[in-house]
Amino acid sequence: MDKAVEILDVVALMEDLPPHGLYRGQVGTVVESLAPHVFEVEFSDNEGRTYASLALEAGQLMILRHEPGEVA
C-alpha cells in the first residue's frame, strides 16, 4: 500500500514542469498541506537556497524512501 504524502517527506517530481524550471526526477521537500492531496513543495540547491516552491498534487510526486519498506 502506498504511503500518503506528509509534511517533510522528501519527494521526486514525476513530470516535467518547464514553466517553473522543474523536470522529472528533481527532488524537493513537502513543506505544507494546502488541501486534500495538494502540497506545497520546496526545491532547494545543495546550499539550501530555494529555487522553486509551488503547489503540487500528490499524483505528481513520488515519495523517496531511505529505509526498507514493509511488504503489502
PDB file of N, CA and C in Angstrom:
ATOM      1  N   MET A   1       0.843  -1.179   0.000  1.00  0.00           N
ATOM      2  CA  MET A   1       0.000   0.000   0.000  1.00  0.00           C
ATOM      3  C   MET A   1       0.886   1.240   0.000  1.00  0.00           C
ATOM      4  N   ASP A   2       0.544   2.237  -0.813  1.00  0.00           N
ATOM      5  CA  ASP A   2       1.320   3.459  -0.889  1.00  0.00           C
ATOM      6  C   ASP A   2       1.076   4.325   0.336  1.00  0.00           C
ATOM      7  N   LYS A   3       2.142   4.905   0.835  1.00  0.00           N
ATOM      8  CA  LYS A   3       2.070   5.803   1.981  1.00  0.00           C
ATOM      9  C   LYS A   3       1.534   7.146   1.502  1.00  0.00           C
ATOM     10  N   ALA A   4       0.691   7.768   2.296  1.00  0.00           N
ATOM     11  CA  ALA A   4       0.170   9.090   1.966  1.00  0.00           C
ATOM     12  C   ALA A   4       1.284  10.117   2.124  1.00  0.00           C
ATOM     13  N   VAL A   5       1.251  11.151   1.316  1.00  0.00           N
ATOM     14  CA  VAL A   5       2.233  12.233   1.387  1.00  0.00           C
ATOM     15  C   VAL A   5       2.025  12.994   2.693  1.00  0.00           C
ATOM     16  N   GLU A   6       3.135  13.290   3.373  1.00  0.00           N
ATOM     17  CA  GLU A   6       3.086  14.025   4.634  1.00  0.00           C
ATOM     18  C   GLU A   6       4.084  15.180   4.604  1.00  0.00           C
ATOM     19  N   ILE A   7       3.875  16.152   5.486  1.00  0.00           N
ATOM     20  CA  ILE A   7       4.810  17.266   5.616  1.00  0.00           C
ATOM     21  C   ILE A   7       6.184  16.714   5.980  1.00  0.00           C
ATOM     22  N   LEU A   8       7.209  17.272   5.354  1.00  0.00           N
ATOM     23  CA  LEU A   8       8.626  16.930   5.492  1.00  0.00           C
ATOM     24  C   LEU A   8       9.032  15.687   4.719  1.00  0.00           C
ATOM     25  N   ASP A   9       8.108  15.069   3.967  1.00  0.00           N
ATOM     26  CA  ASP A   9       8.514  13.975   3.080  1.00  0.00           C
ATOM     27  C   ASP A   9       9.435  14.522   2.000  1.00  0.00           C
ATOM     28  N   VAL A  10      10.444  13.729   1.658  1.00  0.00           N
ATOM     29  CA  VAL A  10      11.302  14.035   0.520  1.00  0.00           C
ATOM     30  C   VAL A  10      10.652  13.361  -0.676  1.00  0.00           C
ATOM     31  N   VAL A  11      10.443  14.138  -1.738  1.00  0.00           N
ATOM     32  CA  VAL A  11       9.703  13.639  -2.898  1.00  0.00           C
ATOM     33  C   VAL A  11      10.460  13.934  -4.185  1.00  0.00           C
ATOM     34  N   ALA A  12      10.142  13.177  -5.212  1.00  0.00           N
ATOM     35  CA  ALA A  12      10.668  13.423  -6.551  1.00  0.00           C
ATOM     36  C   ALA A  12       9.511  13.805  -7.461  1.00  0.00           C
ATOM     37  N   LEU A  13       9.758  14.729  -8.331  1.00  0.00           N
ATOM     38  CA  LEU A  13       8.759  15.178  -9.291  1.00  0.00           C
ATOM     39  C   LEU A  13       8.574  14.109 -10.366  1.00  0.00           C
ATOM     40  N   MET A  14       7.327  13.790 -10.681  1.00  0.00           N
ATOM     41  CA  MET A  14       7.015  12.725 -11.636  1.00  0.00           C
ATOM     42  C   MET A  14       6.779  13.221 -13.063  1.00  0.00           C
ATOM     43  N   GLU A  15       6.854  14.531 -13.274  1.00  0.00           N
ATOM     44  CA  GLU A  15       6.627  15.074 -14.618  1.00  0.00           C
ATOM     45  C   GLU A  15       7.412  16.359 -14.792  1.00  0.00           C
ATOM     46  N   ASP A  16       7.655  16.713 -16.042  1.00  0.00           N
ATOM     47  CA  ASP A  16       8.330  17.971 -16.355  1.00  0.00           C
ATOM     48  C   ASP A  16       7.373  19.142 -16.160  1.00  0.00           C
ATOM     49  N   LEU A  17       7.896  20.223 -15.582  1.00  0.00           N
ATOM     50  CA  LEU A  17       7.146  21.480 -15.426  1.00  0.00           C
ATOM     51  C   LEU A  17       8.041  22.619 -15.917  1.00  0.00           C
ATOM     52  N   PRO A  18       8.310  22.668 -17.246  1.00  0.00           N
ATOM     53  CA  PRO A  18       9.246  23.649 -17.794  1.00  0.00           C
ATOM     54  C   PRO A  18       8.943  25.114 -17.435  1.00  0.00           C
ATOM     55  N   PRO A  19       7.664  25.540 -17.336  1.00  0.00           N
ATOM     56  CA  PRO A  19       7.425  26.941 -16.977  1.00  0.00           C
ATOM     57  C   PRO A  19       8.008  27.311 -15.606  1.00  0.00           C
ATOM     58  N   HIS A  20       8.230  26.302 -14.762  1.00  0.00           N
ATOM     59  CA  HIS A  20       8.769  26.538 -13.417  1.00  0.00           C
ATOM     60  C   HIS A  20      10.242  26.153 -13.324  1.00  0.00           C
ATOM     61  N   GLY A  21      10.822  25.723 -14.460  1.00  0.00           N
ATOM     62  CA  GLY A  21      12.217  25.298 -14.460  1.00  0.00           C
ATOM     63  C   GLY A  21      12.438  23.986 -13.724  1.00  0.00           C
ATOM     64  N   LEU A  22      11.401  23.155 -13.657  1.00  0.00           N
ATOM     65  CA  LEU A  22      11.473  21.875 -12.951  1.00  0.00           C
ATOM     66  C   LEU A  22      11.249  20.721 -13.922  1.00  0.00           C
ATOM     67  N   TYR A  23      11.970  19.623 -13.658  1.00  0.00           N
ATOM     68  CA  TYR A  23      11.886  18.476 -14.550  1.00  0.00           C
ATOM     69  C   TYR A  23      11.783  17.186 -13.758  1.00  0.00           C
ATOM     70  N   ARG A  24      11.224  16.185 -14.411  1.00  0.00           N
ATOM     71  CA  ARG A  24      11.010  14.878 -13.790  1.00  0.00           C
ATOM     72  C   ARG A  24      12.283  14.427 -13.085  1.00  0.00           C
ATOM     73  N   GLY A  25      12.112  13.967 -11.856  1.00  0.00           N
ATOM     74  CA  GLY A  25      13.234  13.457 -11.085  1.00  0.00           C
ATOM     75  C   GLY A  25      13.835  14.454 -10.107  1.00  0.00           C
ATOM     76  N   GLN A  26      13.510  15.746 -10.263  1.00  0.00           N
ATOM     77  CA  GLN A  26      14.039  16.709  -9.307  1.00  0.00           C
ATOM     78  C   GLN A  26      13.452  16.445  -7.932  1.00  0.00           C
ATOM     79  N   VAL A  27      14.278  16.649  -6.914  1.00  0.00           N
ATOM     80  CA  VAL A  27      13.924  16.300  -5.542  1.00  0.00           C
ATOM     81  C   VAL A  27      13.549  17.549  -4.757  1.00  0.00           C
ATOM     82  N   GLY A  28      12.462  17.433  -4.001  1.00  0.00           N
ATOM     83  CA  GLY A  28      12.001  18.534  -3.160  1.00  0.00           C
ATOM     84  C   GLY A  28      11.509  18.017  -1.824  1.00  0.00           C
ATOM     85  N   THR A  29      11.080  18.949  -0.979  1.00  0.00           N
ATOM     86  CA  THR A  29      10.566  18.621   0.345  1.00  0.00           C
ATOM     87  C   THR A  29       9.168  19.199   0.495  1.00  0.00           C
ATOM     88  N   VAL A  30       8.241  18.384   0.984  1.00  0.00           N
ATOM     89  CA  VAL A  30       6.880  18.849   1.252  1.00  0.00           C
ATOM     90  C   VAL A  30       6.935  19.744   2.492  1.00  0.00           C
ATOM     91  N   VAL A  31       6.498  20.994   2.337  1.00  0.00           N
ATOM     92  CA  VAL A  31       6.582  21.939   3.453  1.00  0.00           C
ATOM     93  C   VAL A  31       5.219  22.345   4.009  1.00  0.00           C
ATOM     94  N   GLU A  32       4.141  22.045   3.269  1.00  0.00           N
ATOM     95  CA  GLU A  32       2.813  22.423   3.756  1.00  0.00           C
ATOM     96  C   GLU A  32       1.746  21.615   3.024  1.00  0.00           C
ATOM     97  N   SER A  33       0.672  21.317   3.735  1.00  0.00           N
ATOM     98  CA  SER A  33      -0.509  20.703   3.136  1.00  0.00           C
ATOM     99  C   SER A  33      -1.497  21.825   2.853  1.00  0.00           C
ATOM    100  N   LEU A  34      -1.871  21.992   1.583  1.00  0.00           N
ATOM    101  CA  LEU A  34      -2.735  23.101   1.179  1.00  0.00           C
ATOM    102  C   LEU A  34      -4.209  22.707   1.090  1.00  0.00           C
ATOM    103  N   ALA A  35      -4.449  21.477   0.722  1.00  0.00           N
ATOM    104  CA  ALA A  35      -5.802  20.941   0.542  1.00  0.00           C
ATOM    105  C   ALA A  35      -5.649  19.425   0.469  1.00  0.00           C
ATOM    106  N   PRO A  36      -6.751  18.694   0.487  1.00  0.00           N
ATOM    107  CA  PRO A  36      -6.613  17.245   0.334  1.00  0.00           C
ATOM    108  C   PRO A  36      -5.839  16.915  -0.955  1.00  0.00           C
ATOM    109  N   HIS A  37      -4.746  16.208  -0.809  1.00  0.00           N
ATOM    110  CA  HIS A  37      -3.916  15.747  -1.932  1.00  0.00           C
ATOM    111  C   HIS A  37      -3.186  16.874  -2.665  1.00  0.00           C
ATOM    112  N   VAL A  38      -3.068  18.053  -2.056  1.00  0.00           N
ATOM    113  CA  VAL A  38      -2.325  19.176  -2.649  1.00  0.00           C
ATOM    114  C   VAL A  38      -1.322  19.680  -1.622  1.00  0.00           C
ATOM    115  N   PHE A  39      -0.060  19.813  -2.060  1.00  0.00           N
ATOM    116  CA  PHE A  39       1.016  20.137  -1.138  1.00  0.00           C
ATOM    117  C   PHE A  39       1.933  21.211  -1.709  1.00  0.00           C
ATOM    118  N   GLU A  40       2.447  22.051  -0.826  1.00  0.00           N
ATOM    119  CA  GLU A  40       3.490  22.999  -1.205  1.00  0.00           C
ATOM    120  C   GLU A  40       4.815  22.243  -1.122  1.00  0.00           C
ATOM    121  N   VAL A  41       5.543  22.230  -2.228  1.00  0.00           N
ATOM    122  CA  VAL A  41       6.821  21.528  -2.277  1.00  0.00           C
ATOM    123  C   VAL A  41       7.910  22.551  -2.578  1.00  0.00           C
ATOM    124  N   GLU A  42       8.969  22.486  -1.789  1.00  0.00           N
ATOM    125  CA  GLU A  42      10.100  23.398  -1.928  1.00  0.00           C
ATOM    126  C   GLU A  42      11.271  22.646  -2.550  1.00  0.00           C
ATOM    127  N   PHE A  43      11.858  23.246  -3.577  1.00  0.00           N
ATOM    128  CA  PHE A  43      13.019  22.683  -4.252  1.00  0.00           C
ATOM    129  C   PHE A  43      14.208  23.582  -3.929  1.00  0.00           C
ATOM    130  N   SER A  44      15.278  22.979  -3.397  1.00  0.00           N
ATOM    131  CA  SER A  44      16.443  23.741  -2.953  1.00  0.00           C
ATOM    132  C   SER A  44      17.710  23.167  -3.562  1.00  0.00           C
ATOM    133  N   ASP A  45      18.733  24.035  -3.688  1.00  0.00           N
ATOM    134  CA  ASP A  45      20.022  23.567  -4.197  1.00  0.00           C
ATOM    135  C   ASP A  45      20.844  22.960  -3.055  1.00  0.00           C
ATOM    136  N   ASN A  46      22.062  22.544  -3.357  1.00  0.00           N
ATOM    137  CA  ASN A  46      22.907  21.900  -2.356  1.00  0.00           C
ATOM    138  C   ASN A  46      23.336  22.845  -1.233  1.00  0.00           C
ATOM    139  N   GLU A  47      23.176  24.139  -1.432  1.00  0.00           N
ATOM    140  CA  GLU A  47      23.499  25.124  -0.406  1.00  0.00           C
ATOM    141  C   GLU A  47      22.278  25.475   0.452  1.00  0.00           C
ATOM    142  N   GLY A  48      21.130  24.862   0.142  1.00  0.00           N
ATOM    143  CA  GLY A  48      19.917  25.114   0.905  1.00  0.00           C
ATOM    144  C   GLY A  48      19.104  26.304   0.419  1.00  0.00           C
ATOM    145  N   ARG A  49      19.486  26.884  -0.719  1.00  0.00           N
ATOM    146  CA  ARG A  49      18.745  28.020  -1.280  1.00  0.00           C
ATOM    147  C   ARG A  49      17.575  27.516  -2.119  1.00  0.00           C
ATOM    148  N   THR A  50      16.393  27.999  -1.802  1.00  0.00           N
ATOM    149  CA  THR A  50      15.197  27.596  -2.537  1.00  0.00           C
ATOM    150  C   THR A  50      15.217  28.214  -3.928  1.00  0.00           C
ATOM    151  N   TYR A  51      15.033  27.382  -4.947  1.00  0.00           N
ATOM    152  CA  TYR A  51      14.943  27.891  -6.311  1.00  0.00           C
ATOM    153  C   TYR A  51      13.549  27.731  -6.894  1.00  0.00           C
ATOM    154  N   ALA A  52      12.681  27.003  -6.221  1.00  0.00           N
ATOM    155  CA  ALA A  52      11.281  26.894  -6.649  1.00  0.00           C
ATOM    156  C   ALA A  52      10.452  26.401  -5.477  1.00  0.00           C
ATOM    157  N   SER A  53       9.226  26.893  -5.405  1.00  0.00           N
ATOM    158  CA  SER A  53       8.275  26.458  -4.396  1.00  0.00           C
ATOM    159  C   SER A  53       6.902  26.572  -5.024  1.00  0.00           C
ATOM    160  N   LEU A  54       6.194  25.462  -5.117  1.00  0.00           N
ATOM    161  CA  LEU A  54       4.880  25.512  -5.741  1.00  0.00           C
ATOM    162  C   LEU A  54       3.961  24.415  -5.247  1.00  0.00           C
ATOM    163  N   ALA A  55       2.672  24.626  -5.478  1.00  0.00           N
ATOM    164  CA  ALA A  55       1.644  23.662  -5.097  1.00  0.00           C
ATOM    165  C   ALA A  55       1.615  22.543  -6.127  1.00  0.00           C
ATOM    166  N   LEU A  56       1.651  21.310  -5.626  1.00  0.00           N
ATOM    167  CA  LEU A  56       1.605  20.138  -6.491  1.00  0.00           C
ATOM    168  C   LEU A  56       0.636  19.121  -5.923  1.00  0.00           C
ATOM    169  N   GLU A  57       0.021  18.376  -6.821  1.00  0.00           N
ATOM    170  CA  GLU A  57      -0.888  17.313  -6.398  1.00  0.00           C
ATOM    171  C   GLU A  57      -0.090  16.056  -6.071  1.00  0.00           C
ATOM    172  N   ALA A  58      -0.635  15.242  -5.177  1.00  0.00           N
ATOM    173  CA  ALA A  58       0.045  14.026  -4.747  1.00  0.00           C
ATOM    174  C   ALA A  58       0.421  13.140  -5.936  1.00  0.00           C
ATOM    175  N   GLY A  59      -0.401  13.095  -6.961  1.00  0.00           N
ATOM    176  CA  GLY A  59      -0.125  12.279  -8.141  1.00  0.00           C
ATOM    177  C   GLY A  59       1.070  12.745  -8.954  1.00  0.00           C
ATOM    178  N   GLN A  60       1.545  13.944  -8.699  1.00  0.00           N
ATOM    179  CA  GLN A  60       2.725  14.476  -9.388  1.00  0.00           C
ATOM    180  C   GLN A  60       4.014  14.143  -8.646  1.00  0.00           C
ATOM    181  N   LEU A  61       3.886  13.467  -7.504  1.00  0.00           N
ATOM    182  CA  LEU A  61       5.026  13.240  -6.626  1.00  0.00           C
ATOM    183  C   LEU A  61       5.251  11.767  -6.340  1.00  0.00           C
ATOM    184  N   MET A  62       6.511  11.414  -6.143  1.00  0.00           N
ATOM    185  CA  MET A  62       6.882  10.087  -5.669  1.00  0.00           C
ATOM    186  C   MET A  62       7.625  10.292  -4.353  1.00  0.00           C
ATOM    187  N   ILE A  63       7.178   9.640  -3.296  1.00  0.00           N
ATOM    188  CA  ILE A  63       7.855   9.725  -2.012  1.00  0.00           C
ATOM    189  C   ILE A  63       9.142   8.908  -2.094  1.00  0.00           C
ATOM    190  N   LEU A  64      10.248   9.508  -1.682  1.00  0.00           N
ATOM    191  CA  LEU A  64      11.530   8.805  -1.670  1.00  0.00           C
ATOM    192  C   LEU A  64      11.749   8.208  -0.292  1.00  0.00           C
ATOM    193  N   ARG A  65      12.267   7.002  -0.286  1.00  0.00           N
ATOM    194  CA  ARG A  65      12.475   6.286   0.972  1.00  0.00           C
ATOM    195  C   ARG A  65      13.954   5.972   1.131  1.00  0.00           C
ATOM    196  N   HIS A  66      14.421   6.070   2.365  1.00  0.00           N
ATOM    197  CA  HIS A  66      15.820   5.775   2.650  1.00  0.00           C
ATOM    198  C   HIS A  66      15.974   4.521   3.493  1.00  0.00           C
ATOM    199  N   GLU A  67      14.857   3.871   3.816  1.00  0.00           N
ATOM    200  CA  GLU A  67      14.887   2.654   4.614  1.00  0.00           C
ATOM    201  C   GLU A  67      14.013   1.602   3.939  1.00  0.00           C
ATOM    202  N   PRO A  68      14.256   0.332   4.238  1.00  0.00           N
ATOM    203  CA  PRO A  68      13.402  -0.714   3.653  1.00  0.00           C
ATOM    204  C   PRO A  68      11.952  -0.519   4.067  1.00  0.00           C
ATOM    205  N   GLY A  69      11.046  -0.783   3.164  1.00  0.00           N
ATOM    206  CA  GLY A  69       9.617  -0.661   3.450  1.00  0.00           C
ATOM    207  C   GLY A  69       9.021  -2.007   3.793  1.00  0.00           C
ATOM    208  N   GLU A  70       7.772  -1.964   4.217  1.00  0.00           N
ATOM    209  CA  GLU A  70       7.055  -3.193   4.511  1.00  0.00           C
ATOM    210  C   GLU A  70       6.451  -3.750   3.239  1.00  0.00           C
ATOM    211  N   VAL A  71       6.329  -5.037   3.168  1.00  0.00           N
ATOM    212  CA  VAL A  71       5.682  -5.692   2.029  1.00  0.00           C
ATOM    213  C   VAL A  71       4.188  -5.626   2.273  1.00  0.00           C
ATOM    214  N   ALA A  72       3.442  -5.148   1.270  1.00  0.00           N
ATOM    215  CA  ALA A  72       1.987  -5.023   1.413  1.00  0.00           C
ATOM    216  C   ALA A  72       1.312  -6.364   1.252  1.00  0.00           C
TER     217      ALA A  72
END
